[in-house]
Protein backbone atom coordinates (compact mmCIF):
# COMPACT_ATOMS: atom_id res chain seq x y z
CA MET A 1 -72.78 -31.20 -110.50
CA GLN A 2 -72.56 -28.66 -107.67
CA GLN A 3 -69.28 -28.58 -105.67
CA HIS A 4 -69.19 -27.65 -102.04
CA HIS A 5 -66.18 -25.56 -100.71
CA VAL A 6 -65.15 -26.23 -97.17
CA ASP A 7 -63.32 -23.43 -95.26
CA HIS A 8 -60.76 -24.99 -93.00
CA SER A 9 -59.63 -21.66 -91.51
CA ARG A 10 -59.89 -21.15 -87.67
CA PRO A 11 -62.78 -19.00 -86.65
CA GLU A 12 -61.77 -15.67 -85.26
CA ALA A 13 -62.50 -14.85 -81.69
CA PRO A 14 -64.97 -12.11 -81.09
CA GLY A 15 -63.37 -8.72 -80.92
CA MET A 16 -60.19 -9.94 -82.58
CA GLU A 17 -61.31 -9.78 -86.08
CA GLY A 18 -58.68 -8.67 -88.49
CA GLU A 19 -55.81 -9.02 -85.95
CA ASP A 20 -53.30 -11.83 -85.38
CA SER A 21 -53.85 -13.23 -81.86
CA PRO A 22 -50.79 -14.76 -80.05
CA GLN A 23 -50.94 -18.38 -79.16
CA VAL A 24 -50.63 -19.20 -75.41
CA VAL A 25 -48.60 -22.34 -74.74
CA SER A 26 -48.91 -23.79 -71.20
CA THR A 27 -45.72 -25.31 -69.72
CA PRO A 28 -46.22 -28.09 -67.21
CA ALA A 29 -44.78 -27.34 -63.68
CA PRO A 30 -41.63 -29.27 -62.76
CA PRO A 31 -42.15 -32.06 -60.28
CA VAL A 32 -41.51 -31.09 -56.61
CA ALA A 33 -38.71 -33.10 -55.08
CA GLU A 34 -39.62 -34.74 -51.84
CA PRO A 35 -37.39 -33.76 -48.83
CA THR A 36 -34.71 -36.24 -48.02
CA PRO A 37 -35.30 -37.73 -44.58
CA PRO A 38 -32.47 -37.06 -42.05
CA PRO A 39 -30.11 -39.91 -41.39
CA PRO A 40 -30.70 -41.88 -38.25
CA GLU A 41 -28.92 -40.72 -35.09
CA SER A 42 -26.71 -43.77 -35.11
CA ALA A 43 -25.37 -42.79 -38.51
CA ALA A 44 -24.72 -39.10 -37.58
CA ALA A 45 -21.06 -38.05 -37.17
CA PRO A 46 -20.01 -37.59 -33.49
CA GLN A 47 -19.69 -33.94 -32.40
CA PRO A 48 -16.39 -32.89 -30.74
CA PRO A 49 -16.78 -31.94 -27.04
CA LYS A 50 -17.05 -28.23 -26.33
CA ALA A 51 -13.99 -26.64 -24.77
CA PRO A 52 -14.65 -25.46 -21.20
CA GLU A 53 -15.01 -21.71 -20.83
CA PRO A 54 -11.94 -19.99 -19.27
CA ARG A 55 -12.41 -19.39 -15.57
CA GLN A 56 -12.46 -15.74 -14.56
CA TRP A 57 -9.83 -15.56 -11.83
CA TRP A 58 -11.02 -12.24 -10.45
CA ARG A 59 -14.29 -13.88 -9.43
CA SER A 60 -12.59 -16.47 -7.31
CA ARG A 61 -12.65 -16.14 -3.55
CA TRP A 62 -8.97 -17.12 -3.48
CA PHE A 63 -8.30 -13.80 -5.17
CA TRP A 64 -10.67 -11.56 -3.21
CA ILE A 65 -9.83 -12.82 0.28
CA PRO A 66 -6.06 -12.05 0.07
CA ALA A 67 -6.75 -8.83 -1.86
CA THR A 68 -9.16 -7.64 0.83
CA VAL A 69 -6.72 -8.48 3.62
CA ILE A 70 -3.87 -6.64 1.89
CA ALA A 71 -6.07 -3.61 1.20
CA LEU A 72 -7.22 -3.41 4.82
CA TYR A 73 -3.64 -3.82 6.05
CA GLY A 74 -2.52 -0.97 3.81
CA LEU A 75 -5.37 1.34 4.84
CA VAL A 76 -4.78 0.74 8.54
CA GLY A 77 -1.02 1.11 8.17
CA PHE A 78 -1.01 4.26 6.07
CA PHE A 79 -3.92 6.16 7.61
CA VAL A 80 -4.83 4.76 11.04
CA ALA A 81 -1.46 3.82 12.57
CA PRO A 82 0.17 7.29 12.16
CA ARG A 83 -2.74 8.96 13.95
CA VAL A 84 -2.62 6.45 16.78
CA ILE A 85 1.17 6.76 17.20
CA ARG A 86 1.08 10.56 17.25
CA ALA A 87 -1.82 10.62 19.71
CA GLN A 88 -0.01 8.22 22.04
CA LEU A 89 3.21 10.24 21.92
CA LEU A 90 1.34 13.41 22.86
CA LYS A 91 -0.57 11.60 25.59
CA GLN A 92 2.13 9.49 27.23
CA LEU A 93 5.27 11.64 27.05
CA PRO A 94 4.20 14.88 28.84
CA PRO A 95 3.26 13.13 32.14
CA LEU A 96 6.41 11.03 31.92
CA LEU A 97 8.79 13.92 31.18
CA HIS A 98 6.91 16.66 33.08
CA ARG A 99 7.35 18.87 30.04
CA SER A 100 5.41 19.88 26.98
CA VAL A 101 5.89 17.74 23.87
CA GLU A 102 5.30 18.61 20.24
CA VAL A 103 4.97 16.20 17.32
CA ARG A 104 4.22 17.73 13.93
CA GLU A 105 3.80 14.64 11.76
CA VAL A 106 4.00 10.84 11.88
CA LEU A 107 4.19 8.60 8.81
CA PHE A 108 4.13 4.81 8.67
CA ASN A 109 4.69 2.51 5.70
CA PRO A 110 3.22 -0.93 6.50
CA PHE A 111 4.81 -2.64 3.51
CA ALA A 112 8.34 -1.31 4.09
CA VAL A 113 7.79 -1.43 7.89
CA SER A 114 9.25 2.06 8.25
CA LEU A 115 8.34 4.88 10.63
CA THR A 116 8.97 8.61 10.15
CA VAL A 117 8.50 11.21 12.91
CA ARG A 118 8.86 14.88 12.02
CA GLY A 119 8.92 18.03 14.10
CA PHE A 120 9.51 16.39 17.50
CA ARG A 121 10.36 18.71 20.41
CA VAL A 122 10.49 18.51 24.19
CA ALA A 123 10.57 21.95 25.79
CA GLY A 124 12.57 22.77 28.91
CA HIS A 125 11.22 24.63 31.93
CA ASP A 126 12.45 27.93 30.46
CA GLY A 127 10.84 27.24 27.07
CA SER A 128 14.05 26.33 25.28
CA THR A 129 14.47 23.03 23.45
CA LEU A 130 15.56 20.20 25.71
CA VAL A 131 15.49 17.46 23.06
CA GLY A 132 14.23 17.62 19.54
CA PHE A 133 14.81 16.75 15.91
CA GLU A 134 13.44 17.64 12.52
CA GLU A 135 13.08 14.06 11.32
CA LEU A 136 13.62 10.54 12.60
CA TYR A 137 13.42 7.66 10.12
CA LEU A 138 13.41 4.02 11.22
CA ASN A 139 13.37 1.07 8.83
CA VAL A 140 12.85 -2.27 10.55
CA ALA A 141 14.57 -5.09 8.69
CA VAL A 142 13.91 -8.11 10.90
CA LEU A 143 12.28 -8.69 14.25
CA ARG A 144 14.74 -11.28 15.49
CA GLU A 145 12.55 -12.40 18.36
CA ILE A 146 9.64 -10.90 20.20
CA PHE A 147 11.81 -10.33 23.24
CA GLY A 148 15.20 -11.16 21.80
CA GLY A 149 16.15 -8.24 19.61
CA VAL A 150 15.48 -6.01 16.68
CA ARG A 151 17.43 -5.43 13.51
CA LEU A 152 17.07 -2.01 11.89
CA SER A 153 18.29 -1.64 8.36
CA GLU A 154 18.51 2.15 8.66
CA ILE A 155 18.20 4.93 11.22
CA ARG A 156 18.36 8.51 9.98
CA LEU A 157 18.25 11.40 12.45
CA VAL A 158 18.06 14.84 10.83
CA GLN A 159 18.92 18.04 12.74
CA PRO A 160 18.78 16.64 16.26
CA GLU A 161 19.15 19.15 19.06
CA VAL A 162 19.99 18.67 22.73
CA GLY A 163 20.04 21.53 25.20
CA LEU A 164 21.41 21.26 28.75
CA ALA A 165 21.64 23.96 31.37
CA ILE A 166 22.62 24.53 34.99
CA GLU A 167 19.84 26.45 36.68
CA LYS A 168 20.37 29.39 39.04
CA ASP A 169 19.96 27.09 42.02
CA GLY A 170 22.81 24.91 40.74
CA ARG A 171 20.61 22.03 39.61
CA LEU A 172 20.91 20.47 36.22
CA SER A 173 17.97 21.13 33.93
CA ILE A 174 17.24 17.42 33.65
CA ALA A 175 17.81 16.63 37.36
CA ASP A 176 14.14 15.73 37.82
CA LEU A 177 14.45 13.14 35.09
CA LEU A 178 17.57 11.62 36.63
CA GLU A 179 16.04 11.36 40.07
CA GLY A 180 14.20 8.11 40.43
CA GLY A 181 11.18 7.42 42.57
CA GLN A 182 10.90 4.29 44.59
CA LYS A 183 13.66 1.91 43.84
CA ALA A 184 12.38 -0.98 41.86
CA PRO A 185 13.41 -4.49 42.82
CA PRO A 186 16.49 -5.71 41.00
CA PRO A 187 15.49 -7.21 37.67
CA LYS A 188 15.90 -10.88 37.07
CA GLU A 189 18.84 -11.91 35.04
CA GLU A 190 17.64 -12.13 31.48
CA LYS A 191 19.24 -12.20 28.12
CA PRO A 192 19.90 -8.56 27.10
CA LEU A 193 17.99 -7.09 24.21
CA VAL A 194 20.06 -7.26 21.04
CA ILE A 195 19.86 -4.30 18.67
CA GLU A 196 21.50 -4.33 15.27
CA VAL A 197 21.67 -1.32 12.97
CA GLY A 198 22.76 -1.72 9.37
CA HIS A 199 23.18 2.00 8.64
CA PHE A 200 23.01 4.94 11.07
CA VAL A 201 23.15 8.60 10.01
CA LEU A 202 23.16 11.65 12.27
CA ASP A 203 22.80 14.70 10.06
CA ARG A 204 23.55 18.30 11.20
CA GLY A 205 23.05 17.82 14.91
CA SER A 206 23.68 20.44 17.58
CA LEU A 207 24.50 20.46 21.30
CA SER A 208 24.00 23.53 23.46
CA PHE A 209 24.98 24.19 27.07
CA ALA A 210 24.22 27.07 29.42
CA ASP A 211 25.31 27.84 32.99
CA TYR A 212 23.09 30.32 34.82
CA ASN A 213 24.67 29.67 38.24
CA ARG A 214 27.38 32.22 37.60
CA PRO A 215 27.60 35.98 37.95
CA GLN A 216 27.95 36.13 34.20
CA PRO A 217 25.85 33.40 32.45
CA PHE A 218 27.83 31.18 30.15
CA LYS A 219 26.46 29.74 26.90
CA ALA A 220 28.05 27.49 24.31
CA ARG A 221 26.79 25.71 21.22
CA LEU A 222 28.45 22.96 19.22
CA GLU A 223 27.29 22.41 15.64
CA PRO A 224 27.04 20.93 13.10
CA LEU A 225 27.51 17.33 14.18
CA SER A 226 27.35 14.55 11.59
CA ILE A 227 28.03 10.86 12.16
CA VAL A 228 27.72 7.77 9.94
CA ILE A 229 27.94 4.26 11.42
CA ASP A 230 27.55 0.98 9.53
CA ARG A 231 26.89 -2.51 10.91
CA PHE A 232 26.46 -1.62 14.55
CA SER A 233 25.39 -4.29 17.04
CA THR A 234 24.97 -4.59 20.79
CA GLU A 235 25.52 -8.35 20.67
CA PRO A 236 28.78 -9.18 22.46
CA GLN A 237 29.78 -11.77 19.87
CA LYS A 238 29.71 -9.19 17.09
CA ASN A 239 32.03 -6.26 16.61
CA GLY A 240 30.47 -2.83 16.27
CA VAL A 241 31.91 -0.26 13.92
């Protein structure tokens, strides 16, 4: 009886004869999770209110308006006022005194309310100094009233000079200033102007005198003169020092 042999071996793939071929195992992809829907708005947690942004104070008009006014006040006080004061002194005094006037420098501090005049000189008819000083410093403390008085915290007069002379014709060198024009009507009785000075300093002053109405001219000079006065007042109820 003829027996049949059955070969149960796996047929080899073409081109791979005689070689062990690796087995490819396919792994199934994991299931994709569906996105969780967002909770309803009613169930969402309440958000805290946002803090208001800090206000920038330098952008406020309440800052710029006062700053602009102060800046303009300072510019006018420091730069414009001294020029105006000096120009007015040189314009008004010569016709009034009938003499040449010199003013070297004028300074004004609008915040301290102080005035400084330097290099002031009024020349006499012969060219000598009639009145002059190197520096005058005024510091206004309080304007008591517009027409009632002024309080000065300090007056400092540095190197003042006064020169008087008797001319050859026997007239005083300032006789033209003492002679008045038409007599003005008597002023109405008014409350006198009150002036108070906290501190007054006269530093290194000089007084000169000359007499030319003599066969031999006479000249004299008194210097230096220094005076310090505190708490001076023209008010009758107060005692000056």
